[in-house]
Amino acid sequence: MGSNPSEPWAVIGTFVHAPVYGELEIATDGCLVISGEGVIIAVAPASQADSLLAQHRVDPSSVLRLQVIDMHDRCSDRLPC
């Protein structure tokens, strides 16, 4: 993500998690911090992102902000949703 691949980076957005096979949890507005090795090292609500990013020394240019398009909110009578 950032200029140094060994440094942590982060993703802010909506995440789908399967804690157990067959179950899904949706975390809206979450923040994940990922180590340079690709391991999730911290998870928090996006409202706590600033402090979480500072705590793990994540460069602001290494933060990926994802937007989610929920088609269930945008379906009309003409679309098969």
PDB file of N, CA and C in Angstrom:
ATOM      1  N   MET A   1       0.818  -1.203   0.000  1.00  0.00           N
ATOM      2  CA  MET A   1       0.000   0.000   0.000  1.00  0.00           C
ATOM      3  C   MET A   1       0.854   1.256   0.000  1.00  0.00           C
ATOM      4  N   GLY A   2       1.663   1.442   1.027  1.00  0.00           N
ATOM      5  CA  GLY A   2       2.444   2.669   1.119  1.00  0.00           C
ATOM      6  C   GLY A   2       3.775   2.534   0.404  1.00  0.00           C
ATOM      7  N   SER A   3       4.651   3.484   0.681  1.00  0.00           N
ATOM      8  CA  SER A   3       5.946   3.480   0.022  1.00  0.00           C
ATOM      9  C   SER A   3       6.867   2.387   0.555  1.00  0.00           C
ATOM     10  N   ASN A   4       6.637   1.938   1.775  1.00  0.00           N
ATOM     11  CA  ASN A   4       7.457   0.891   2.367  1.00  0.00           C
ATOM     12  C   ASN A   4       6.580  -0.326   2.655  1.00  0.00           C
ATOM     13  N   PRO A   5       6.774  -1.425   1.919  1.00  0.00           N
ATOM     14  CA  PRO A   5       5.897  -2.596   2.098  1.00  0.00           C
ATOM     15  C   PRO A   5       6.007  -3.271   3.450  1.00  0.00           C
ATOM     16  N   SER A   6       7.017  -2.941   4.260  1.00  0.00           N
ATOM     17  CA  SER A   6       7.131  -3.563   5.576  1.00  0.00           C
ATOM     18  C   SER A   6       6.374  -2.782   6.648  1.00  0.00           C
ATOM     19  N   GLU A   7       5.831  -1.619   6.289  1.00  0.00           N
ATOM     20  CA  GLU A   7       5.094  -0.803   7.248  1.00  0.00           C
ATOM     21  C   GLU A   7       3.611  -1.182   7.249  1.00  0.00           C
ATOM     22  N   PRO A   8       2.926  -0.949   8.380  1.00  0.00           N
ATOM     23  CA  PRO A   8       1.496  -1.266   8.440  1.00  0.00           C
ATOM     24  C   PRO A   8       0.678  -0.339   7.550  1.00  0.00           C
ATOM     25  N   TRP A   9      -0.477  -0.824   7.149  1.00  0.00           N
ATOM     26  CA  TRP A   9      -1.420  -0.053   6.349  1.00  0.00           C
ATOM     27  C   TRP A   9      -2.812  -0.339   6.879  1.00  0.00           C
ATOM     28  N   ALA A  10      -3.817   0.353   6.373  1.00  0.00           N
ATOM     29  CA  ALA A  10      -5.160   0.203   6.934  1.00  0.00           C
ATOM     30  C   ALA A  10      -6.226   0.257   5.852  1.00  0.00           C
ATOM     31  N   VAL A  11      -7.364  -0.319   6.189  1.00  0.00           N
ATOM     32  CA  VAL A  11      -8.552  -0.277   5.342  1.00  0.00           C
ATOM     33  C   VAL A  11      -9.704   0.208   6.214  1.00  0.00           C
ATOM     34  N   ILE A  12     -10.433   1.202   5.720  1.00  0.00           N
ATOM     35  CA  ILE A  12     -11.614   1.702   6.418  1.00  0.00           C
ATOM     36  C   ILE A  12     -12.813   1.484   5.510  1.00  0.00           C
ATOM     37  N   GLY A  13     -13.849   0.858   6.034  1.00  0.00           N
ATOM     38  CA  GLY A  13     -15.038   0.586   5.227  1.00  0.00           C
ATOM     39  C   GLY A  13     -15.965  -0.396   5.919  1.00  0.00           C
ATOM     40  N   THR A  14     -16.764  -1.087   5.132  1.00  0.00           N
ATOM     41  CA  THR A  14     -17.696  -2.096   5.630  1.00  0.00           C
ATOM     42  C   THR A  14     -17.108  -3.475   5.351  1.00  0.00           C
ATOM     43  N   PHE A  15     -17.134  -4.336   6.351  1.00  0.00           N
ATOM     44  CA  PHE A  15     -16.520  -5.654   6.236  1.00  0.00           C
ATOM     45  C   PHE A  15     -17.533  -6.751   6.521  1.00  0.00           C
ATOM     46  N   VAL A  16     -17.372  -7.872   5.832  1.00  0.00           N
ATOM     47  CA  VAL A  16     -18.189  -9.062   6.081  1.00  0.00           C
ATOM     48  C   VAL A  16     -17.263 -10.105   6.681  1.00  0.00           C
ATOM     49  N   HIS A  17     -17.683 -10.672   7.799  1.00  0.00           N
ATOM     50  CA  HIS A  17     -16.864 -11.617   8.555  1.00  0.00           C
ATOM     51  C   HIS A  17     -17.671 -12.890   8.773  1.00  0.00           C
ATOM     52  N   ALA A  18     -17.032 -14.031   8.616  1.00  0.00           N
ATOM     53  CA  ALA A  18     -17.686 -15.318   8.858  1.00  0.00           C
ATOM     54  C   ALA A  18     -17.003 -15.985  10.052  1.00  0.00           C
ATOM     55  N   PRO A  19     -17.495 -15.719  11.276  1.00  0.00           N
ATOM     56  CA  PRO A  19     -16.849 -16.291  12.457  1.00  0.00           C
ATOM     57  C   PRO A  19     -17.007 -17.810  12.536  1.00  0.00           C
ATOM     58  N   VAL A  20     -18.090 -18.311  11.984  1.00  0.00           N
ATOM     59  CA  VAL A  20     -18.383 -19.741  11.963  1.00  0.00           C
ATOM     60  C   VAL A  20     -18.958 -20.055  10.588  1.00  0.00           C
ATOM     61  N   TYR A  21     -18.637 -21.203  10.051  1.00  0.00           N
ATOM     62  CA  TYR A  21     -19.158 -21.599   8.747  1.00  0.00           C
ATOM     63  C   TYR A  21     -20.678 -21.464   8.730  1.00  0.00           C
ATOM     64  N   GLY A  22     -21.179 -20.741   7.748  1.00  0.00           N
ATOM     65  CA  GLY A  22     -22.627 -20.565   7.606  1.00  0.00           C
ATOM     66  C   GLY A  22     -23.177 -19.319   8.281  1.00  0.00           C
ATOM     67  N   GLU A  23     -22.350 -18.594   9.033  1.00  0.00           N
ATOM     68  CA  GLU A  23     -22.788 -17.367   9.699  1.00  0.00           C
ATOM     69  C   GLU A  23     -22.013 -16.180   9.138  1.00  0.00           C
ATOM     70  N   LEU A  24     -22.702 -15.079   8.938  1.00  0.00           N
ATOM     71  CA  LEU A  24     -22.053 -13.860   8.481  1.00  0.00           C
ATOM     72  C   LEU A  24     -22.329 -12.727   9.449  1.00  0.00           C
ATOM     73  N   GLU A  25     -21.318 -11.923   9.689  1.00  0.00           N
ATOM     74  CA  GLU A  25     -21.471 -10.698  10.464  1.00  0.00           C
ATOM     75  C   GLU A  25     -21.038  -9.555   9.562  1.00  0.00           C
ATOM     76  N   ILE A  26     -21.776  -8.468   9.584  1.00  0.00           N
ATOM     77  CA  ILE A  26     -21.430  -7.302   8.792  1.00  0.00           C
ATOM     78  C   ILE A  26     -21.040  -6.186   9.747  1.00  0.00           C
ATOM     79  N   ALA A  27     -19.822  -5.699   9.583  1.00  0.00           N
ATOM     80  CA  ALA A  27     -19.316  -4.599  10.404  1.00  0.00           C
ATOM     81  C   ALA A  27     -19.284  -3.350   9.526  1.00  0.00           C
ATOM     82  N   THR A  28     -20.235  -2.460   9.748  1.00  0.00           N
ATOM     83  CA  THR A  28     -20.254  -1.226   8.969  1.00  0.00           C
ATOM     84  C   THR A  28     -19.311  -0.213   9.618  1.00  0.00           C
ATOM     85  N   ASP A  29     -18.654   0.553   8.794  1.00  0.00           N
ATOM     86  CA  ASP A  29     -17.738   1.597   9.275  1.00  0.00           C
ATOM     87  C   ASP A  29     -16.694   1.049  10.235  1.00  0.00           C
ATOM     88  N   GLY A  30     -15.907   0.123   9.739  1.00  0.00           N
ATOM     89  CA  GLY A  30     -14.837  -0.447  10.544  1.00  0.00           C
ATOM     90  C   GLY A  30     -13.469  -0.002  10.051  1.00  0.00           C
ATOM     91  N   CYS A  31     -12.464  -0.270  10.852  1.00  0.00           N
ATOM     92  CA  CYS A  31     -11.082   0.050  10.503  1.00  0.00           C
ATOM     93  C   CYS A  31     -10.224  -1.174  10.822  1.00  0.00           C
ATOM     94  N   LEU A  32      -9.486  -1.660   9.830  1.00  0.00           N
ATOM     95  CA  LEU A  32      -8.538  -2.755  10.014  1.00  0.00           C
ATOM     96  C   LEU A  32      -7.139  -2.207   9.808  1.00  0.00           C
ATOM     97  N   VAL A  33      -6.222  -2.556  10.692  1.00  0.00           N
ATOM     98  CA  VAL A  33      -4.811  -2.237  10.499  1.00  0.00           C
ATOM     99  C   VAL A  33      -4.113  -3.550  10.184  1.00  0.00           C
ATOM    100  N   ILE A  34      -3.343  -3.549   9.102  1.00  0.00           N
ATOM    101  CA  ILE A  34      -2.680  -4.755   8.615  1.00  0.00           C
ATOM    102  C   ILE A  34      -1.170  -4.522   8.657  1.00  0.00           C
ATOM    103  N   SER A  35      -0.450  -5.505   9.188  1.00  0.00           N
ATOM    104  CA  SER A  35       1.008  -5.388   9.256  1.00  0.00           C
ATOM    105  C   SER A  35       1.593  -5.472   7.845  1.00  0.00           C
ATOM    106  N   GLY A  36       2.851  -5.106   7.716  1.00  0.00           N
ATOM    107  CA  GLY A  36       3.534  -5.230   6.437  1.00  0.00           C
ATOM    108  C   GLY A  36       3.623  -6.659   5.955  1.00  0.00           C
ATOM    109  N   GLU A  37       3.452  -7.601   6.879  1.00  0.00           N
ATOM    110  CA  GLU A  37       3.473  -9.026   6.528  1.00  0.00           C
ATOM    111  C   GLU A  37       2.093  -9.543   6.142  1.00  0.00           C
ATOM    112  N   GLY A  38       1.068  -8.684   6.226  1.00  0.00           N
ATOM    113  CA  GLY A  38      -0.277  -9.077   5.820  1.00  0.00           C
ATOM    114  C   GLY A  38      -1.148  -9.639   6.924  1.00  0.00           C
ATOM    115  N   VAL A  39      -0.770  -9.444   8.177  1.00  0.00           N
ATOM    116  CA  VAL A  39      -1.534  -9.956   9.315  1.00  0.00           C
ATOM    117  C   VAL A  39      -2.376  -8.820   9.909  1.00  0.00           C
ATOM    118  N   ILE A  40      -3.657  -9.094  10.171  1.00  0.00           N
ATOM    119  CA  ILE A  40      -4.510  -8.093  10.818  1.00  0.00           C
ATOM    120  C   ILE A  40      -4.007  -7.918  12.244  1.00  0.00           C
ATOM    121  N   ILE A  41      -3.642  -6.679  12.596  1.00  0.00           N
ATOM    122  CA  ILE A  41      -3.091  -6.434  13.937  1.00  0.00           C
ATOM    123  C   ILE A  41      -4.016  -5.593  14.811  1.00  0.00           C
ATOM    124  N   ALA A  42      -5.058  -4.995  14.208  1.00  0.00           N
ATOM    125  CA  ALA A  42      -5.999  -4.214  15.015  1.00  0.00           C
ATOM    126  C   ALA A  42      -7.301  -4.046  14.248  1.00  0.00           C
ATOM    127  N   VAL A  43      -8.404  -4.026  15.011  1.00  0.00           N
ATOM    128  CA  VAL A  43      -9.741  -3.820  14.456  1.00  0.00           C
ATOM    129  C   VAL A  43     -10.475  -2.880  15.393  1.00  0.00           C
ATOM    130  N   ALA A  44     -11.157  -1.892  14.813  1.00  0.00           N
ATOM    131  CA  ALA A  44     -11.920  -0.951  15.634  1.00  0.00           C
ATOM    132  C   ALA A  44     -12.975  -0.287  14.761  1.00  0.00           C
ATOM    133  N   PRO A  45     -13.965   0.355  15.384  1.00  0.00           N
ATOM    134  CA  PRO A  45     -14.916   1.153  14.608  1.00  0.00           C
ATOM    135  C   PRO A  45     -14.177   2.307  13.925  1.00  0.00           C
ATOM    136  N   ALA A  46     -14.662   2.736  12.774  1.00  0.00           N
ATOM    137  CA  ALA A  46     -14.031   3.830  12.040  1.00  0.00           C
ATOM    138  C   ALA A  46     -13.981   5.111  12.864  1.00  0.00           C
ATOM    139  N   SER A  47     -14.896   5.264  13.797  1.00  0.00           N
ATOM    140  CA  SER A  47     -14.890   6.460  14.656  1.00  0.00           C
ATOM    141  C   SER A  47     -13.619   6.536  15.512  1.00  0.00           C
ATOM    142  N   GLN A  48     -12.935   5.405  15.682  1.00  0.00           N
ATOM    143  CA  GLN A  48     -11.691   5.359  16.454  1.00  0.00           C
ATOM    144  C   GLN A  48     -10.463   5.247  15.557  1.00  0.00           C
ATOM    145  N   ALA A  49     -10.656   5.428  14.239  1.00  0.00           N
ATOM    146  CA  ALA A  49      -9.572   5.212  13.278  1.00  0.00           C
ATOM    147  C   ALA A  49      -8.374   6.110  13.528  1.00  0.00           C
ATOM    148  N   ASP A  50      -8.591   7.390  13.795  1.00  0.00           N
ATOM    149  CA  ASP A  50      -7.461   8.304  13.972  1.00  0.00           C
ATOM    150  C   ASP A  50      -6.515   7.832  15.070  1.00  0.00           C
ATOM    151  N   SER A  51      -7.062   7.479  16.216  1.00  0.00           N
ATOM    152  CA  SER A  51      -6.196   7.031  17.312  1.00  0.00           C
ATOM    153  C   SER A  51      -5.566   5.672  17.006  1.00  0.00           C
ATOM    154  N   LEU A  52      -6.315   4.787  16.348  1.00  0.00           N
ATOM    155  CA  LEU A  52      -5.788   3.465  15.999  1.00  0.00           C
ATOM    156  C   LEU A  52      -4.639   3.595  14.998  1.00  0.00           C
ATOM    157  N   LEU A  53      -4.804   4.460  13.995  1.00  0.00           N
ATOM    158  CA  LEU A  53      -3.760   4.655  12.991  1.00  0.00           C
ATOM    159  C   LEU A  53      -2.517   5.282  13.615  1.00  0.00           C
ATOM    160  N   ALA A  54      -2.712   6.221  14.526  1.00  0.00           N
ATOM    161  CA  ALA A  54      -1.572   6.842  15.215  1.00  0.00           C
ATOM    162  C   ALA A  54      -0.854   5.830  16.107  1.00  0.00           C
ATOM    163  N   GLN A  55      -1.626   5.020  16.816  1.00  0.00           N
ATOM    164  CA  GLN A  55      -1.053   4.016  17.721  1.00  0.00           C
ATOM    165  C   GLN A  55      -0.146   3.047  16.966  1.00  0.00           C
ATOM    166  N   HIS A  56      -0.552   2.666  15.744  1.00  0.00           N
ATOM    167  CA  HIS A  56       0.214   1.689  14.960  1.00  0.00           C
ATOM    168  C   HIS A  56       1.112   2.349  13.917  1.00  0.00           C
ATOM    169  N   ARG A  57       1.204   3.690  13.978  1.00  0.00           N
ATOM    170  CA  ARG A  57       2.074   4.468  13.094  1.00  0.00           C
ATOM    171  C   ARG A  57       1.818   4.178  11.615  1.00  0.00           C
ATOM    172  N   VAL A  58       0.543   4.240  11.254  1.00  0.00           N
ATOM    173  CA  VAL A  58       0.152   4.031   9.855  1.00  0.00           C
ATOM    174  C   VAL A  58       0.245   5.370   9.129  1.00  0.00           C
ATOM    175  N   ASP A  59       0.997   5.394   8.048  1.00  0.00           N
ATOM    176  CA  ASP A  59       1.127   6.595   7.217  1.00  0.00           C
ATOM    177  C   ASP A  59      -0.241   6.888   6.579  1.00  0.00           C
ATOM    178  N   PRO A  60      -0.716   8.119   6.633  1.00  0.00           N
ATOM    179  CA  PRO A  60      -2.023   8.451   6.041  1.00  0.00           C
ATOM    180  C   PRO A  60      -2.146   8.063   4.562  1.00  0.00           C
ATOM    181  N   SER A  61      -1.031   8.049   3.837  1.00  0.00           N
ATOM    182  CA  SER A  61      -1.088   7.652   2.419  1.00  0.00           C
ATOM    183  C   SER A  61      -1.273   6.144   2.263  1.00  0.00           C
ATOM    184  N   SER A  62      -1.195   5.401   3.370  1.00  0.00           N
ATOM    185  CA  SER A  62      -1.360   3.945   3.350  1.00  0.00           C
ATOM    186  C   SER A  62      -2.726   3.508   3.856  1.00  0.00           C
ATOM    187  N   VAL A  63      -3.699   4.412   3.825  1.00  0.00           N
ATOM    188  CA  VAL A  63      -5.056   4.091   4.274  1.00  0.00           C
ATOM    189  C   VAL A  63      -5.960   4.004   3.047  1.00  0.00           C
ATOM    190  N   LEU A  64      -6.593   2.856   2.885  1.00  0.00           N
ATOM    191  CA  LEU A  64      -7.529   2.625   1.791  1.00  0.00           C
ATOM    192  C   LEU A  64      -8.939   2.793   2.335  1.00  0.00           C
ATOM    193  N   ARG A  65      -9.696   3.720   1.769  1.00  0.00           N
ATOM    194  CA  ARG A  65     -11.083   3.950   2.203  1.00  0.00           C
ATOM    195  C   ARG A  65     -12.009   3.365   1.152  1.00  0.00           C
ATOM    196  N   LEU A  66     -12.776   2.359   1.558  1.00  0.00           N
ATOM    197  CA  LEU A  66     -13.672   1.668   0.636  1.00  0.00           C
ATOM    198  C   LEU A  66     -15.089   2.189   0.761  1.00  0.00           C
ATOM    199  N   GLN A  67     -15.725   2.380  -0.370  1.00  0.00           N
ATOM    200  CA  GLN A  67     -17.139   2.710  -0.376  1.00  0.00           C
ATOM    201  C   GLN A  67     -17.902   1.449  -0.734  1.00  0.00           C
ATOM    202  N   VAL A  68     -19.058   1.289  -0.142  1.00  0.00           N
ATOM    203  CA  VAL A  68     -19.885   0.121  -0.389  1.00  0.00           C
ATOM    204  C   VAL A  68     -21.156   0.571  -1.085  1.00  0.00           C
ATOM    205  N   ILE A  69     -21.511  -0.135  -2.132  1.00  0.00           N
ATOM    206  CA  ILE A  69     -22.784   0.110  -2.802  1.00  0.00           C
ATOM    207  C   ILE A  69     -23.704  -1.038  -2.426  1.00  0.00           C
ATOM    208  N   ASP A  70     -24.716  -0.748  -1.663  1.00  0.00           N
ATOM    209  CA  ASP A  70     -25.675  -1.762  -1.236  1.00  0.00           C
ATOM    210  C   ASP A  70     -26.826  -1.771  -2.227  1.00  0.00           C
ATOM    211  N   MET A  71     -26.859  -2.768  -3.095  1.00  0.00           N
ATOM    212  CA  MET A  71     -27.888  -2.834  -4.138  1.00  0.00           C
ATOM    213  C   MET A  71     -29.284  -3.028  -3.565  1.00  0.00           C
ATOM    214  N   HIS A  72     -29.390  -3.507  -2.335  1.00  0.00           N
ATOM    215  CA  HIS A  72     -30.714  -3.674  -1.746  1.00  0.00           C
ATOM    216  C   HIS A  72     -31.399  -2.326  -1.529  1.00  0.00           C
ATOM    217  N   ASP A  73     -30.606  -1.293  -1.336  1.00  0.00           N
ATOM    218  CA  ASP A  73     -31.172   0.043  -1.147  1.00  0.00           C
ATOM    219  C   ASP A  73     -31.501   0.728  -2.469  1.00  0.00           C
ATOM    220  N   ARG A  74     -31.014   0.196  -3.580  1.00  0.00           N
ATOM    221  CA  ARG A  74     -31.144   0.881  -4.849  1.00  0.00           C
ATOM    222  C   ARG A  74     -31.972   0.117  -5.878  1.00  0.00           C
ATOM    223  N   CYS A  75     -32.628  -0.919  -5.456  1.00  0.00           N
ATOM    224  CA  CYS A  75     -33.411  -1.717  -6.393  1.00  0.00           C
ATOM    225  C   CYS A  75     -34.718  -1.017  -6.714  1.00  0.00           C
ATOM    226  N   SER A  76     -35.130  -1.174  -7.928  1.00  0.00           N
ATOM    227  CA  SER A  76     -36.444  -0.666  -8.317  1.00  0.00           C
ATOM    228  C   SER A  76     -37.298  -1.848  -8.734  1.00  0.00           C
ATOM    229  N   ASP A  77     -38.523  -1.597  -9.090  1.00  0.00           N
ATOM    230  CA  ASP A  77     -39.423  -2.667  -9.505  1.00  0.00           C
ATOM    231  C   ASP A  77     -38.938  -3.326 -10.801  1.00  0.00           C
ATOM    232  N   ARG A  78     -38.098  -2.627 -11.566  1.00  0.00           N
ATOM    233  CA  ARG A  78     -37.646  -3.162 -12.855  1.00  0.00           C
ATOM    234  C   ARG A  78     -36.408  -4.033 -12.737  1.00  0.00           C
ATOM    235  N   LEU A  79     -35.728  -4.021 -11.596  1.00  0.00           N
ATOM    236  CA  LEU A  79     -34.504  -4.787 -11.456  1.00  0.00           C
ATOM    237  C   LEU A  79     -34.741  -6.041 -10.613  1.00  0.00           C
ATOM    238  N   PRO A  80     -34.207  -7.174 -11.052  1.00  0.00           N
ATOM    239  CA  PRO A  80     -34.355  -8.401 -10.239  1.00  0.00           C
ATOM    240  C   PRO A  80     -33.318  -8.418  -9.125  1.00  0.00           C
ATOM    241  N   CYS A  81     -33.716  -8.009  -7.929  1.00  0.00           N
ATOM    242  CA  CYS A  81     -32.765  -7.966  -6.805  1.00  0.00           C
ATOM    243  C   CYS A  81     -33.107  -9.023  -5.778  1.00  0.00           C
TER     244      CYS A  81
END
